Amino acid sequence: MKKVYHLKTCNTCDRIIKGLDFPNDFVFQDIKSEDITVKQIEQLAKLAGSYEALFSKRAKLYKEMGLKDQNLSEADYKHYILDHYTFLKRPVIVVDDQIFIGNSAKTVEAAKAFIHADE
């Protein structure tokens, strides 16, 4: 599977996607217009090692809902990601059995090197 979970209206996601110059065999899913499914989040969590790794603690709702003051479980992280797209750390890039989560420069560079390794 070669897929990118992103938010079309996110300037950071847009900049990263343009900068990575993805090959044509990648599928892009705008998580706002096409909700992430239970099966998809379970696959992503398996690759990532946890739901927490996929969870964005920078989301405005995280603070607004008082979640930062709670001790969240893996089930909670899964629930919130499925409940609202803003809780998925983005972009999430999947290349076969490799996953790259978030927009840190280190993550983006690792994804770029992996995606273009055959060139």
C-alpha atoms as a PDB file:
ATOM      1  CA  MET A   1       0.000   0.000   0.000  1.00  0.00           C
ATOM      2  CA  LYS A   2       1.239   3.466  -0.899  1.00  0.00           C
ATOM      3  CA  LYS A   3      -1.017   6.046   0.672  1.00  0.00           C
ATOM      4  CA  VAL A   4      -1.002   9.521   2.142  1.00  0.00           C
ATOM      5  CA  TYR A   5      -3.573  10.571   4.727  1.00  0.00           C
ATOM      6  CA  HIS A   6      -3.715  14.345   4.745  1.00  0.00           C
ATOM      7  CA  LEU A   7      -5.910  17.389   5.135  1.00  0.00           C
ATOM      8  CA  LYS A   8      -6.448  19.207   1.855  1.00  0.00           C
ATOM      9  CA  THR A   9      -6.964  22.535   3.615  1.00  0.00           C
ATOM     10  CA  CYS A  10      -3.733  22.243   5.625  1.00  0.00           C
ATOM     11  CA  ASN A  11      -0.953  24.385   4.191  1.00  0.00           C
ATOM     12  CA  THR A  12       1.708  22.286   5.902  1.00  0.00           C
ATOM     13  CA  CYS A  13       0.357  19.048   4.391  1.00  0.00           C
ATOM     14  CA  ASP A  14       0.140  20.717   0.989  1.00  0.00           C
ATOM     15  CA  ARG A  15       3.743  21.980   1.188  1.00  0.00           C
ATOM     16  CA  ILE A  16       5.039  18.555   2.251  1.00  0.00           C
ATOM     17  CA  ILE A  17       3.111  16.710  -0.468  1.00  0.00           C
ATOM     18  CA  LYS A  18       4.421  19.071  -3.156  1.00  0.00           C
ATOM     19  CA  GLY A  19       7.952  18.827  -1.772  1.00  0.00           C
ATOM     20  CA  LEU A  20       8.038  15.044  -1.689  1.00  0.00           C
ATOM     21  CA  ASP A  21       7.133  14.680  -5.374  1.00  0.00           C
ATOM     22  CA  PHE A  22       5.211  11.429  -4.959  1.00  0.00           C
ATOM     23  CA  PRO A  23       5.236   8.800  -7.711  1.00  0.00           C
ATOM     24  CA  ASN A  24       1.925   8.222  -9.522  1.00  0.00           C
ATOM     25  CA  ASP A  25       1.163   4.974  -7.648  1.00  0.00           C
ATOM     26  CA  PHE A  26       0.359   6.802  -4.384  1.00  0.00           C
ATOM     27  CA  VAL A  27      -3.240   7.223  -3.240  1.00  0.00           C
ATOM     28  CA  PHE A  28      -4.212  10.376  -1.379  1.00  0.00           C
ATOM     29  CA  GLN A  29      -7.030  10.493   1.157  1.00  0.00           C
ATOM     30  CA  ASP A  30      -8.300  13.856   2.395  1.00  0.00           C
ATOM     31  CA  ILE A  31      -9.389  12.890   5.905  1.00  0.00           C
ATOM     32  CA  LYS A  32     -11.892  15.743   6.118  1.00  0.00           C
ATOM     33  CA  SER A  33     -13.910  14.742   3.048  1.00  0.00           C
ATOM     34  CA  GLU A  34     -13.315  10.960   3.383  1.00  0.00           C
ATOM     35  CA  ASP A  35     -13.439   9.821   7.000  1.00  0.00           C
ATOM     36  CA  ILE A  36     -10.791   7.427   8.176  1.00  0.00           C
ATOM     37  CA  THR A  37     -12.325   3.997   8.777  1.00  0.00           C
ATOM     38  CA  VAL A  38     -11.919   1.668  11.734  1.00  0.00           C
ATOM     39  CA  LYS A  39     -10.015  -0.772   9.525  1.00  0.00           C
ATOM     40  CA  GLN A  40      -7.685   1.983   8.290  1.00  0.00           C
ATOM     41  CA  ILE A  41      -6.899   3.322  11.766  1.00  0.00           C
ATOM     42  CA  GLU A  42      -6.274  -0.211  13.021  1.00  0.00           C
ATOM     43  CA  GLN A  43      -3.824  -0.829  10.157  1.00  0.00           C
ATOM     44  CA  LEU A  44      -2.081   2.483  10.822  1.00  0.00           C
ATOM     45  CA  ALA A  45      -1.822   1.766  14.558  1.00  0.00           C
ATOM     46  CA  LYS A  46      -0.332  -1.646  13.836  1.00  0.00           C
ATOM     47  CA  LEU A  47       2.372  -0.012  11.687  1.00  0.00           C
ATOM     48  CA  ALA A  48       2.910   2.854  14.134  1.00  0.00           C
ATOM     49  CA  GLY A  49       2.962   0.665  17.244  1.00  0.00           C
ATOM     50  CA  SER A  50       0.165   2.559  18.993  1.00  0.00           C
ATOM     51  CA  TYR A  51      -2.805   4.849  18.524  1.00  0.00           C
ATOM     52  CA  GLU A  52      -1.030   7.464  20.605  1.00  0.00           C
ATOM     53  CA  ALA A  53       1.701   7.715  17.949  1.00  0.00           C
ATOM     54  CA  LEU A  54      -1.013   8.753  15.464  1.00  0.00           C
ATOM     55  CA  PHE A  55      -2.673  11.227  17.808  1.00  0.00           C
ATOM     56  CA  SER A  56      -2.073  14.953  17.483  1.00  0.00           C
ATOM     57  CA  LYS A  57      -1.674  16.633  20.844  1.00  0.00           C
ATOM     58  CA  ARG A  58      -1.367  19.941  18.994  1.00  0.00           C
ATOM     59  CA  ALA A  59      -5.001  19.892  17.860  1.00  0.00           C
ATOM     60  CA  LYS A  60      -7.044  22.804  19.205  1.00  0.00           C
ATOM     61  CA  LEU A  61      -9.761  20.390  20.357  1.00  0.00           C
ATOM     62  CA  TYR A  62      -7.203  18.557  22.514  1.00  0.00           C
ATOM     63  CA  LYS A  63      -6.952  21.577  24.797  1.00  0.00           C
ATOM     64  CA  GLU A  64     -10.556  22.759  24.348  1.00  0.00           C
ATOM     65  CA  MET A  65     -11.963  19.392  25.418  1.00  0.00           C
ATOM     66  CA  GLY A  66      -9.597  19.200  28.399  1.00  0.00           C
ATOM     67  CA  LEU A  67      -7.979  16.026  27.073  1.00  0.00           C
ATOM     68  CA  LYS A  68      -4.503  17.247  27.989  1.00  0.00           C
ATOM     69  CA  ASP A  69      -5.520  16.975  31.631  1.00  0.00           C
ATOM     70  CA  GLN A  70      -6.720  13.388  31.297  1.00  0.00           C
ATOM     71  CA  ASN A  71      -4.848  10.106  31.258  1.00  0.00           C
ATOM     72  CA  LEU A  72      -5.941   8.761  27.863  1.00  0.00           C
ATOM     73  CA  SER A  73      -5.843   5.064  27.004  1.00  0.00           C
ATOM     74  CA  GLU A  74      -5.136   3.538  23.603  1.00  0.00           C
ATOM     75  CA  ALA A  75      -8.910   3.034  23.212  1.00  0.00           C
ATOM     76  CA  ASP A  76      -9.409   6.741  23.921  1.00  0.00           C
ATOM     77  CA  TYR A  77      -6.845   7.768  21.283  1.00  0.00           C
ATOM     78  CA  LYS A  78      -8.525   5.499  18.740  1.00  0.00           C
ATOM     79  CA  HIS A  79     -11.970   6.862  19.615  1.00  0.00           C
ATOM     80  CA  TYR A  80     -10.945  10.502  19.274  1.00  0.00           C
ATOM     81  CA  ILE A  81      -9.124   9.963  15.971  1.00  0.00           C
ATOM     82  CA  LEU A  82     -12.210   8.255  14.550  1.00  0.00           C
ATOM     83  CA  ASP A  83     -14.492  10.887  16.058  1.00  0.00           C
ATOM     84  CA  HIS A  84     -12.770  13.922  14.543  1.00  0.00           C
ATOM     85  CA  TYR A  85     -10.187  14.160  11.771  1.00  0.00           C
ATOM     86  CA  THR A  86      -8.254  16.910  13.564  1.00  0.00           C
ATOM     87  CA  PHE A  87      -6.879  14.372  16.056  1.00  0.00           C
ATOM     88  CA  LEU A  88      -4.882  12.489  13.400  1.00  0.00           C
ATOM     89  CA  LYS A  89      -1.301  13.717  13.294  1.00  0.00           C
ATOM     90  CA  ARG A  90      -0.659  14.604   9.673  1.00  0.00           C
ATOM     91  CA  PRO A  91       0.347  13.813   7.153  1.00  0.00           C
ATOM     92  CA  VAL A  92       0.545  10.057   7.542  1.00  0.00           C
ATOM     93  CA  ILE A  93       2.530   8.460   4.738  1.00  0.00           C
ATOM     94  CA  VAL A  94       2.404   4.691   4.296  1.00  0.00           C
ATOM     95  CA  VAL A  95       4.764   2.860   1.970  1.00  0.00           C
ATOM     96  CA  ASP A  96       4.119  -0.874   2.185  1.00  0.00           C
ATOM     97  CA  ASP A  97       5.129  -1.729   5.786  1.00  0.00           C
ATOM     98  CA  GLN A  98       6.737   1.644   6.584  1.00  0.00           C
ATOM     99  CA  ILE A  99       4.882   4.553   8.157  1.00  0.00           C
ATOM    100  CA  PHE A 100       5.885   8.193   8.513  1.00  0.00           C
ATOM    101  CA  ILE A 101       3.747  10.283  10.858  1.00  0.00           C
ATOM    102  CA  GLY A 102       3.655  14.043  11.182  1.00  0.00           C
ATOM    103  CA  ASN A 103       5.404  17.025   9.738  1.00  0.00           C
ATOM    104  CA  SER A 104       8.721  17.233  11.563  1.00  0.00           C
ATOM    105  CA  ALA A 105      11.661  17.895   9.260  1.00  0.00           C
ATOM    106  CA  LYS A 106      13.269  14.597  10.333  1.00  0.00           C
ATOM    107  CA  THR A 107      10.118  12.599   9.485  1.00  0.00           C
ATOM    108  CA  VAL A 108       9.647  14.344   6.135  1.00  0.00           C
ATOM    109  CA  GLU A 109      13.291  13.757   5.147  1.00  0.00           C
ATOM    110  CA  ALA A 110      13.066  10.076   6.147  1.00  0.00           C
ATOM    111  CA  ALA A 111       9.890   9.681   4.055  1.00  0.00           C
ATOM    112  CA  LYS A 112      11.509  11.418   1.084  1.00  0.00           C
ATOM    113  CA  ALA A 113      14.594   9.196   1.255  1.00  0.00           C
ATOM    114  CA  PHE A 114      12.434   6.072   1.493  1.00  0.00           C
ATOM    115  CA  ILE A 115      10.044   7.063  -1.293  1.00  0.00           C
ATOM    116  CA  HIS A 116      12.839   7.964  -3.697  1.00  0.00           C
ATOM    117  CA  ALA A 117      15.300   5.214  -2.664  1.00  0.00           C
ATOM    118  CA  ASP A 118      14.981   3.408  -6.016  1.00  0.00           C
ATOM    119  CA  GLU A 119      15.931   6.445  -8.088  1.00  0.00           C
END
